[in-house]
Amino acid sequence: MTEFTVKMLYFSWIRERVGIEEEQLVLPQTVSTVRELLLWLRERNEQFAAAIEFPDIIRVALDQEHTEHESSIGTPREIALFPPMTGG
């Protein structure tokens, strides 16, 4: 897999902890699954480490389609990170 640029979107308390709503990122060749993406993001800085402290609870959508952490990323235009959904 080659490097590519993707639009990252952050929602709710993830956005609050990382301090931005969206950004353009170049993903490294080593990031090929959703789980690898979350672990890579967590290493970026203290804000991302706090937001993705527990990566298993983060929900991820590739081009507005929710996906599993084991899924291949492929080359989406947009990746969104969400906190767990709660009902009520």
PDB file of N, CA and C in Angstrom:
ATOM      1  N   MET A   1       0.845  -1.187   0.000  1.00  0.00           N
ATOM      2  CA  MET A   1       0.000   0.000   0.000  1.00  0.00           C
ATOM      3  C   MET A   1       0.885   1.243   0.000  1.00  0.00           C
ATOM      4  N   THR A   2       0.536   2.224  -0.808  1.00  0.00           N
ATOM      5  CA  THR A   2       1.319   3.453  -0.863  1.00  0.00           C
ATOM      6  C   THR A   2       0.673   4.512   0.024  1.00  0.00           C
ATOM      7  N   GLU A   3       1.454   5.525   0.344  1.00  0.00           N
ATOM      8  CA  GLU A   3       0.924   6.624   1.144  1.00  0.00           C
ATOM      9  C   GLU A   3      -0.147   7.358   0.351  1.00  0.00           C
ATOM     10  N   PHE A   4      -1.155   7.864   1.064  1.00  0.00           N
ATOM     11  CA  PHE A   4      -2.174   8.682   0.423  1.00  0.00           C
ATOM     12  C   PHE A   4      -2.720   9.672   1.436  1.00  0.00           C
ATOM     13  N   THR A   5      -3.347  10.725   0.922  1.00  0.00           N
ATOM     14  CA  THR A   5      -3.918  11.765   1.772  1.00  0.00           C
ATOM     15  C   THR A   5      -5.399  11.493   1.963  1.00  0.00           C
ATOM     16  N   VAL A   6      -5.850  11.653   3.204  1.00  0.00           N
ATOM     17  CA  VAL A   6      -7.250  11.402   3.537  1.00  0.00           C
ATOM     18  C   VAL A   6      -7.743  12.522   4.452  1.00  0.00           C
ATOM     19  N   LYS A   7      -9.025  12.838   4.317  1.00  0.00           N
ATOM     20  CA  LYS A   7      -9.655  13.815   5.202  1.00  0.00           C
ATOM     21  C   LYS A   7     -10.099  13.073   6.462  1.00  0.00           C
ATOM     22  N   MET A   8      -9.599  13.508   7.618  1.00  0.00           N
ATOM     23  CA  MET A   8      -9.966  12.921   8.900  1.00  0.00           C
ATOM     24  C   MET A   8     -10.980  13.832   9.575  1.00  0.00           C
ATOM     25  N   LEU A   9     -12.056  13.225  10.105  1.00  0.00           N
ATOM     26  CA  LEU A   9     -13.075  13.959  10.844  1.00  0.00           C
ATOM     27  C   LEU A   9     -13.148  13.395  12.255  1.00  0.00           C
ATOM     28  N   TYR A  10     -13.261  14.288  13.248  1.00  0.00           N
ATOM     29  CA  TYR A  10     -13.315  13.880  14.655  1.00  0.00           C
ATOM     30  C   TYR A  10     -14.601  14.420  15.276  1.00  0.00           C
ATOM     31  N   PHE A  11     -15.310  13.558  16.002  1.00  0.00           N
ATOM     32  CA  PHE A  11     -16.607  13.940  16.554  1.00  0.00           C
ATOM     33  C   PHE A  11     -16.635  13.845  18.073  1.00  0.00           C
ATOM     34  N   SER A  12     -17.517  14.669  18.671  1.00  0.00           N
ATOM     35  CA  SER A  12     -17.842  14.650  20.097  1.00  0.00           C
ATOM     36  C   SER A  12     -16.588  14.818  20.953  1.00  0.00           C
ATOM     37  N   TRP A  13     -16.437  13.966  22.003  1.00  0.00           N
ATOM     38  CA  TRP A  13     -15.303  14.165  22.906  1.00  0.00           C
ATOM     39  C   TRP A  13     -13.975  13.820  22.255  1.00  0.00           C
ATOM     40  N   ILE A  14     -13.967  13.086  21.167  1.00  0.00           N
ATOM     41  CA  ILE A  14     -12.705  12.869  20.446  1.00  0.00           C
ATOM     42  C   ILE A  14     -12.229  14.209  19.892  1.00  0.00           C
ATOM     43  N   ARG A  15     -13.142  14.949  19.261  1.00  0.00           N
ATOM     44  CA  ARG A  15     -12.814  16.285  18.732  1.00  0.00           C
ATOM     45  C   ARG A  15     -12.334  17.201  19.848  1.00  0.00           C
ATOM     46  N   GLU A  16     -13.013  17.170  20.984  1.00  0.00           N
ATOM     47  CA  GLU A  16     -12.623  18.025  22.106  1.00  0.00           C
ATOM     48  C   GLU A  16     -11.218  17.701  22.599  1.00  0.00           C
ATOM     49  N   ARG A  17     -10.888  16.430  22.659  1.00  0.00           N
ATOM     50  CA  ARG A  17      -9.565  16.036  23.181  1.00  0.00           C
ATOM     51  C   ARG A  17      -8.431  16.302  22.200  1.00  0.00           C
ATOM     52  N   VAL A  18      -8.682  16.103  20.886  1.00  0.00           N
ATOM     53  CA  VAL A  18      -7.607  16.359  19.922  1.00  0.00           C
ATOM     54  C   VAL A  18      -7.518  17.828  19.547  1.00  0.00           C
ATOM     55  N   GLY A  19      -8.594  18.595  19.792  1.00  0.00           N
ATOM     56  CA  GLY A  19      -8.547  20.034  19.578  1.00  0.00           C
ATOM     57  C   GLY A  19      -8.826  20.495  18.158  1.00  0.00           C
ATOM     58  N   ILE A  20      -9.229  19.570  17.270  1.00  0.00           N
ATOM     59  CA  ILE A  20      -9.565  19.938  15.894  1.00  0.00           C
ATOM     60  C   ILE A  20     -10.776  19.133  15.437  1.00  0.00           C
ATOM     61  N   GLU A  21     -11.510  19.703  14.497  1.00  0.00           N
ATOM     62  CA  GLU A  21     -12.682  19.022  13.956  1.00  0.00           C
ATOM     63  C   GLU A  21     -12.324  18.143  12.770  1.00  0.00           C
ATOM     64  N   GLU A  22     -11.385  18.615  11.942  1.00  0.00           N
ATOM     65  CA  GLU A  22     -10.968  17.847  10.770  1.00  0.00           C
ATOM     66  C   GLU A  22      -9.570  18.273  10.351  1.00  0.00           C
ATOM     67  N   GLU A  23      -8.959  17.409   9.537  1.00  0.00           N
ATOM     68  CA  GLU A  23      -7.632  17.696   9.003  1.00  0.00           C
ATOM     69  C   GLU A  23      -7.364  16.785   7.817  1.00  0.00           C
ATOM     70  N   GLN A  24      -6.389  17.154   7.015  1.00  0.00           N
ATOM     71  CA  GLN A  24      -5.897  16.309   5.934  1.00  0.00           C
ATOM     72  C   GLN A  24      -4.652  15.613   6.448  1.00  0.00           C
ATOM     73  N   LEU A  25      -4.599  14.296   6.309  1.00  0.00           N
ATOM     74  CA  LEU A  25      -3.451  13.526   6.787  1.00  0.00           C
ATOM     75  C   LEU A  25      -2.895  12.653   5.680  1.00  0.00           C
ATOM     76  N   VAL A  26      -1.587  12.499   5.678  1.00  0.00           N
ATOM     77  CA  VAL A  26      -0.948  11.513   4.820  1.00  0.00           C
ATOM     78  C   VAL A  26      -0.723  10.282   5.687  1.00  0.00           C
ATOM     79  N   LEU A  27      -1.395   9.190   5.337  1.00  0.00           N
ATOM     80  CA  LEU A  27      -1.236   7.958   6.108  1.00  0.00           C
ATOM     81  C   LEU A  27      -0.003   7.211   5.619  1.00  0.00           C
ATOM     82  N   PRO A  28       0.806   6.718   6.537  1.00  0.00           N
ATOM     83  CA  PRO A  28       2.002   5.981   6.135  1.00  0.00           C
ATOM     84  C   PRO A  28       1.650   4.613   5.553  1.00  0.00           C
ATOM     85  N   GLN A  29       2.564   4.046   4.819  1.00  0.00           N
ATOM     86  CA  GLN A  29       2.369   2.734   4.208  1.00  0.00           C
ATOM     87  C   GLN A  29       2.122   1.648   5.244  1.00  0.00           C
ATOM     88  N   THR A  30       2.592   1.846   6.448  1.00  0.00           N
ATOM     89  CA  THR A  30       2.449   0.828   7.494  1.00  0.00           C
ATOM     90  C   THR A  30       1.037   0.739   8.053  1.00  0.00           C
ATOM     91  N   VAL A  31       0.184   1.695   7.732  1.00  0.00           N
ATOM     92  CA  VAL A  31      -1.194   1.718   8.239  1.00  0.00           C
ATOM     93  C   VAL A  31      -2.114   1.148   7.162  1.00  0.00           C
ATOM     94  N   SER A  32      -2.582  -0.088   7.369  1.00  0.00           N
ATOM     95  CA  SER A  32      -3.448  -0.699   6.364  1.00  0.00           C
ATOM     96  C   SER A  32      -4.798  -1.152   6.921  1.00  0.00           C
ATOM     97  N   THR A  33      -4.929  -1.225   8.253  1.00  0.00           N
ATOM     98  CA  THR A  33      -6.216  -1.597   8.848  1.00  0.00           C
ATOM     99  C   THR A  33      -6.700  -0.457   9.749  1.00  0.00           C
ATOM    100  N   VAL A  34      -7.961  -0.520  10.097  1.00  0.00           N
ATOM    101  CA  VAL A  34      -8.530   0.489  10.986  1.00  0.00           C
ATOM    102  C   VAL A  34      -7.817   0.467  12.331  1.00  0.00           C
ATOM    103  N   ARG A  35      -7.547  -0.709  12.873  1.00  0.00           N
ATOM    104  CA  ARG A  35      -6.843  -0.822  14.152  1.00  0.00           C
ATOM    105  C   ARG A  35      -5.450  -0.178  14.076  1.00  0.00           C
ATOM    106  N   GLU A  36      -4.711  -0.434  12.990  1.00  0.00           N
ATOM    107  CA  GLU A  36      -3.388   0.182  12.817  1.00  0.00           C
ATOM    108  C   GLU A  36      -3.500   1.700  12.746  1.00  0.00           C
ATOM    109  N   LEU A  37      -4.555   2.194  12.113  1.00  0.00           N
ATOM    110  CA  LEU A  37      -4.774   3.643  12.050  1.00  0.00           C
ATOM    111  C   LEU A  37      -4.949   4.217  13.447  1.00  0.00           C
ATOM    112  N   LEU A  38      -5.803   3.607  14.254  1.00  0.00           N
ATOM    113  CA  LEU A  38      -6.042   4.105  15.606  1.00  0.00           C
ATOM    114  C   LEU A  38      -4.767   4.086  16.439  1.00  0.00           C
ATOM    115  N   LEU A  39      -3.993   3.027  16.343  1.00  0.00           N
ATOM    116  CA  LEU A  39      -2.744   2.944  17.105  1.00  0.00           C
ATOM    117  C   LEU A  39      -1.734   3.977  16.620  1.00  0.00           C
ATOM    118  N   TRP A  40      -1.678   4.211  15.311  1.00  0.00           N
ATOM    119  CA  TRP A  40      -0.780   5.218  14.758  1.00  0.00           C
ATOM    120  C   TRP A  40      -1.198   6.614  15.210  1.00  0.00           C
ATOM    121  N   LEU A  41      -2.501   6.906  15.148  1.00  0.00           N
ATOM    122  CA  LEU A  41      -2.987   8.218  15.590  1.00  0.00           C
ATOM    123  C   LEU A  41      -2.670   8.462  17.057  1.00  0.00           C
ATOM    124  N   ARG A  42      -2.810   7.434  17.868  1.00  0.00           N
ATOM    125  CA  ARG A  42      -2.569   7.557  19.311  1.00  0.00           C
ATOM    126  C   ARG A  42      -1.144   8.000  19.614  1.00  0.00           C
ATOM    127  N   GLU A  43      -0.219   7.665  18.726  1.00  0.00           N
ATOM    128  CA  GLU A  43       1.202   8.010  18.937  1.00  0.00           C
ATOM    129  C   GLU A  43       1.558   9.419  18.467  1.00  0.00           C
ATOM    130  N   ARG A  44       0.631  10.130  17.848  1.00  0.00           N
ATOM    131  CA  ARG A  44       0.951  11.453  17.284  1.00  0.00           C
ATOM    132  C   ARG A  44       1.334  12.478  18.340  1.00  0.00           C
ATOM    133  N   ASN A  45       0.549  12.568  19.404  1.00  0.00           N
ATOM    134  CA  ASN A  45       0.837  13.541  20.460  1.00  0.00           C
ATOM    135  C   ASN A  45      -0.021  13.228  21.683  1.00  0.00           C
ATOM    136  N   GLU A  46       0.114  14.026  22.727  1.00  0.00           N
ATOM    137  CA  GLU A  46      -0.615  13.779  23.980  1.00  0.00           C
ATOM    138  C   GLU A  46      -2.125  13.877  23.802  1.00  0.00           C
ATOM    139  N   GLN A  47      -2.566  14.813  22.941  1.00  0.00           N
ATOM    140  CA  GLN A  47      -4.001  14.977  22.729  1.00  0.00           C
ATOM    141  C   GLN A  47      -4.610  13.718  22.095  1.00  0.00           C
ATOM    142  N   PHE A  48      -3.952  13.187  21.077  1.00  0.00           N
ATOM    143  CA  PHE A  48      -4.444  11.971  20.434  1.00  0.00           C
ATOM    144  C   PHE A  48      -4.311  10.771  21.369  1.00  0.00           C
ATOM    145  N   ALA A  49      -3.270  10.736  22.166  1.00  0.00           N
ATOM    146  CA  ALA A  49      -3.117   9.640  23.136  1.00  0.00           C
ATOM    147  C   ALA A  49      -4.287   9.645  24.121  1.00  0.00           C
ATOM    148  N   ALA A  50      -4.721  10.829  24.544  1.00  0.00           N
ATOM    149  CA  ALA A  50      -5.856  10.928  25.463  1.00  0.00           C
ATOM    150  C   ALA A  50      -7.163  10.547  24.775  1.00  0.00           C
ATOM    151  N   ALA A  51      -7.331  10.971  23.537  1.00  0.00           N
ATOM    152  CA  ALA A  51      -8.574  10.695  22.806  1.00  0.00           C
ATOM    153  C   ALA A  51      -8.715   9.221  22.446  1.00  0.00           C
ATOM    154  N   ILE A  52      -7.595   8.563  22.191  1.00  0.00           N
ATOM    155  CA  ILE A  52      -7.631   7.177  21.735  1.00  0.00           C
ATOM    156  C   ILE A  52      -6.962   6.271  22.776  1.00  0.00           C
ATOM    157  N   GLU A  53      -7.130   6.634  24.033  1.00  0.00           N
ATOM    158  CA  GLU A  53      -6.561   5.844  25.130  1.00  0.00           C
ATOM    159  C   GLU A  53      -7.060   4.394  25.071  1.00  0.00           C
ATOM    160  N   PHE A  54      -8.331   4.221  24.720  1.00  0.00           N
ATOM    161  CA  PHE A  54      -8.941   2.896  24.606  1.00  0.00           C
ATOM    162  C   PHE A  54      -9.448   2.721  23.176  1.00  0.00           C
ATOM    163  N   PRO A  55      -8.579   2.327  22.241  1.00  0.00           N
ATOM    164  CA  PRO A  55      -8.959   2.282  20.830  1.00  0.00           C
ATOM    165  C   PRO A  55     -10.133   1.346  20.523  1.00  0.00           C
ATOM    166  N   ASP A  56     -10.318   0.313  21.320  1.00  0.00           N
ATOM    167  CA  ASP A  56     -11.391  -0.650  21.034  1.00  0.00           C
ATOM    168  C   ASP A  56     -12.791  -0.045  21.128  1.00  0.00           C
ATOM    169  N   ILE A  57     -12.934   1.086  21.840  1.00  0.00           N
ATOM    170  CA  ILE A  57     -14.271   1.678  21.958  1.00  0.00           C
ATOM    171  C   ILE A  57     -14.552   2.725  20.878  1.00  0.00           C
ATOM    172  N   ILE A  58     -13.538   3.099  20.104  1.00  0.00           N
ATOM    173  CA  ILE A  58     -13.700   4.117  19.070  1.00  0.00           C
ATOM    174  C   ILE A  58     -14.385   3.500  17.852  1.00  0.00           C
ATOM    175  N   ARG A  59     -15.415   4.164  17.363  1.00  0.00           N
ATOM    176  CA  ARG A  59     -16.087   3.730  16.129  1.00  0.00           C
ATOM    177  C   ARG A  59     -15.488   4.488  14.964  1.00  0.00           C
ATOM    178  N   VAL A  60     -15.374   3.813  13.829  1.00  0.00           N
ATOM    179  CA  VAL A  60     -14.719   4.394  12.656  1.00  0.00           C
ATOM    180  C   VAL A  60     -15.605   4.202  11.430  1.00  0.00           C
ATOM    181  N   ALA A  61     -15.697   5.257  10.618  1.00  0.00           N
ATOM    182  CA  ALA A  61     -16.420   5.176   9.348  1.00  0.00           C
ATOM    183  C   ALA A  61     -15.462   5.542   8.214  1.00  0.00           C
ATOM    184  N   LEU A  62     -15.468   4.713   7.183  1.00  0.00           N
ATOM    185  CA  LEU A  62     -14.698   4.978   5.964  1.00  0.00           C
ATOM    186  C   LEU A  62     -15.693   5.427   4.904  1.00  0.00           C
ATOM    187  N   ASP A  63     -15.534   6.647   4.411  1.00  0.00           N
ATOM    188  CA  ASP A  63     -16.487   7.218   3.446  1.00  0.00           C
ATOM    189  C   ASP A  63     -17.930   7.015   3.902  1.00  0.00           C
ATOM    190  N   GLN A  64     -18.196   7.344   5.161  1.00  0.00           N
ATOM    191  CA  GLN A  64     -19.522   7.340   5.781  1.00  0.00           C
ATOM    192  C   GLN A  64     -20.123   5.947   5.963  1.00  0.00           C
ATOM    193  N   GLU A  65     -19.288   4.903   5.926  1.00  0.00           N
ATOM    194  CA  GLU A  65     -19.730   3.529   6.188  1.00  0.00           C
ATOM    195  C   GLU A  65     -19.001   3.024   7.423  1.00  0.00           C
ATOM    196  N   HIS A  66     -19.736   2.735   8.480  1.00  0.00           N
ATOM    197  CA  HIS A  66     -19.097   2.203   9.689  1.00  0.00           C
ATOM    198  C   HIS A  66     -18.422   0.883   9.370  1.00  0.00           C
ATOM    199  N   THR A  67     -17.272   0.663  10.001  1.00  0.00           N
ATOM    200  CA  THR A  67     -16.475  -0.515   9.688  1.00  0.00           C
ATOM    201  C   THR A  67     -15.872  -1.109  10.957  1.00  0.00           C
ATOM    202  N   GLU A  68     -15.423  -2.329  10.861  1.00  0.00           N
ATOM    203  CA  GLU A  68     -14.781  -3.032  11.973  1.00  0.00           C
ATOM    204  C   GLU A  68     -13.307  -2.657  12.045  1.00  0.00           C
ATOM    205  N   HIS A  69     -12.715  -2.818  13.214  1.00  0.00           N
ATOM    206  CA  HIS A  69     -11.306  -2.472  13.405  1.00  0.00           C
ATOM    207  C   HIS A  69     -10.357  -3.372  12.621  1.00  0.00           C
ATOM    208  N   GLU A  70     -10.781  -4.579  12.292  1.00  0.00           N
ATOM    209  CA  GLU A  70      -9.935  -5.497  11.534  1.00  0.00           C
ATOM    210  C   GLU A  70      -9.983  -5.223  10.034  1.00  0.00           C
ATOM    211  N   SER A  71     -10.891  -4.354   9.605  1.00  0.00           N
ATOM    212  CA  SER A  71     -11.084  -4.081   8.181  1.00  0.00           C
ATOM    213  C   SER A  71      -9.895  -3.344   7.582  1.00  0.00           C
ATOM    214  N   SER A  72      -9.664  -3.621   6.308  1.00  0.00           N
ATOM    215  CA  SER A  72      -8.660  -2.894   5.547  1.00  0.00           C
ATOM    216  C   SER A  72      -9.159  -1.468   5.313  1.00  0.00           C
ATOM    217  N   ILE A  73      -8.257  -0.525   5.360  1.00  0.00           N
ATOM    218  CA  ILE A  73      -8.640   0.872   5.124  1.00  0.00           C
ATOM    219  C   ILE A  73      -8.901   1.119   3.643  1.00  0.00           C
ATOM    220  N   GLY A  74      -8.100   0.543   2.773  1.00  0.00           N
ATOM    221  CA  GLY A  74      -8.228   0.855   1.352  1.00  0.00           C
ATOM    222  C   GLY A  74      -7.754   2.277   1.109  1.00  0.00           C
ATOM    223  N   THR A  75      -8.462   3.001   0.249  1.00  0.00           N
ATOM    224  CA  THR A  75      -8.099   4.395  -0.039  1.00  0.00           C
ATOM    225  C   THR A  75      -9.343   5.293   0.006  1.00  0.00           C
ATOM    226  N   PRO A  76      -9.946   5.431   1.174  1.00  0.00           N
ATOM    227  CA  PRO A  76     -11.135   6.289   1.274  1.00  0.00           C
ATOM    228  C   PRO A  76     -10.767   7.756   1.142  1.00  0.00           C
ATOM    229  N   ARG A  77     -11.746   8.558   0.800  1.00  0.00           N
ATOM    230  CA  ARG A  77     -11.552  10.016   0.779  1.00  0.00           C
ATOM    231  C   ARG A  77     -11.678  10.602   2.173  1.00  0.00           C
ATOM    232  N   GLU A  78     -12.467   9.893   3.033  1.00  0.00           N
ATOM    233  CA  GLU A  78     -12.778  10.434   4.352  1.00  0.00           C
ATOM    234  C   GLU A  78     -12.815   9.310   5.391  1.00  0.00           C
ATOM    235  N   ILE A  79     -12.218   9.591   6.548  1.00  0.00           N
ATOM    236  CA  ILE A  79     -12.279   8.677   7.687  1.00  0.00           C
ATOM    237  C   ILE A  79     -12.780   9.478   8.879  1.00  0.00           C
ATOM    238  N   ALA A  80     -13.816   8.964   9.537  1.00  0.00           N
ATOM    239  CA  ALA A  80     -14.392   9.656  10.692  1.00  0.00           C
ATOM    240  C   ALA A  80     -14.242   8.802  11.938  1.00  0.00           C
ATOM    241  N   LEU A  81     -13.912   9.449  13.050  1.00  0.00           N
ATOM    242  CA  LEU A  81     -13.795   8.777  14.344  1.00  0.00           C
ATOM    243  C   LEU A  81     -14.896   9.277  15.270  1.00  0.00           C
ATOM    244  N   PHE A  82     -15.592   8.314  15.912  1.00  0.00           N
ATOM    245  CA  PHE A  82     -16.711   8.610  16.791  1.00  0.00           C
ATOM    246  C   PHE A  82     -16.502   7.935  18.146  1.00  0.00           C
ATOM    247  N   PRO A  83     -17.002   8.541  19.201  1.00  0.00           N
ATOM    248  CA  PRO A  83     -17.016   7.836  20.484  1.00  0.00           C
ATOM    249  C   PRO A  83     -18.121   6.768  20.440  1.00  0.00           C
ATOM    250  N   PRO A  84     -18.162   5.896  21.432  1.00  0.00           N
ATOM    251  CA  PRO A  84     -19.227   4.893  21.456  1.00  0.00           C
ATOM    252  C   PRO A  84     -20.598   5.559  21.472  1.00  0.00           C
ATOM    253  N   MET A  85     -21.545   4.931  20.815  1.00  0.00           N
ATOM    254  CA  MET A  85     -22.912   5.458  20.791  1.00  0.00           C
ATOM    255  C   MET A  85     -23.631   5.038  22.066  1.00  0.00           C
ATOM    256  N   THR A  86     -24.433   5.938  22.596  1.00  0.00           N
ATOM    257  CA  THR A  86     -25.235   5.611  23.774  1.00  0.00           C
ATOM    258  C   THR A  86     -26.699   5.788  23.433  1.00  0.00           C
ATOM    259  N   GLY A  87     -27.512   5.010  24.042  1.00  0.00           N
ATOM    260  CA  GLY A  87     -28.949   5.119  23.801  1.00  0.00           C
ATOM    261  C   GLY A  87     -29.648   5.716  25.006  1.00  0.00           C
ATOM    262  N   GLY A  88     -30.913   5.970  24.846  1.00  0.00           N
ATOM    263  CA  GLY A  88     -31.624   6.522  25.979  1.00  0.00           C
ATOM    264  C   GLY A  88     -33.036   6.874  25.646  1.00  0.00           C
TER     265      GLY A  88
END
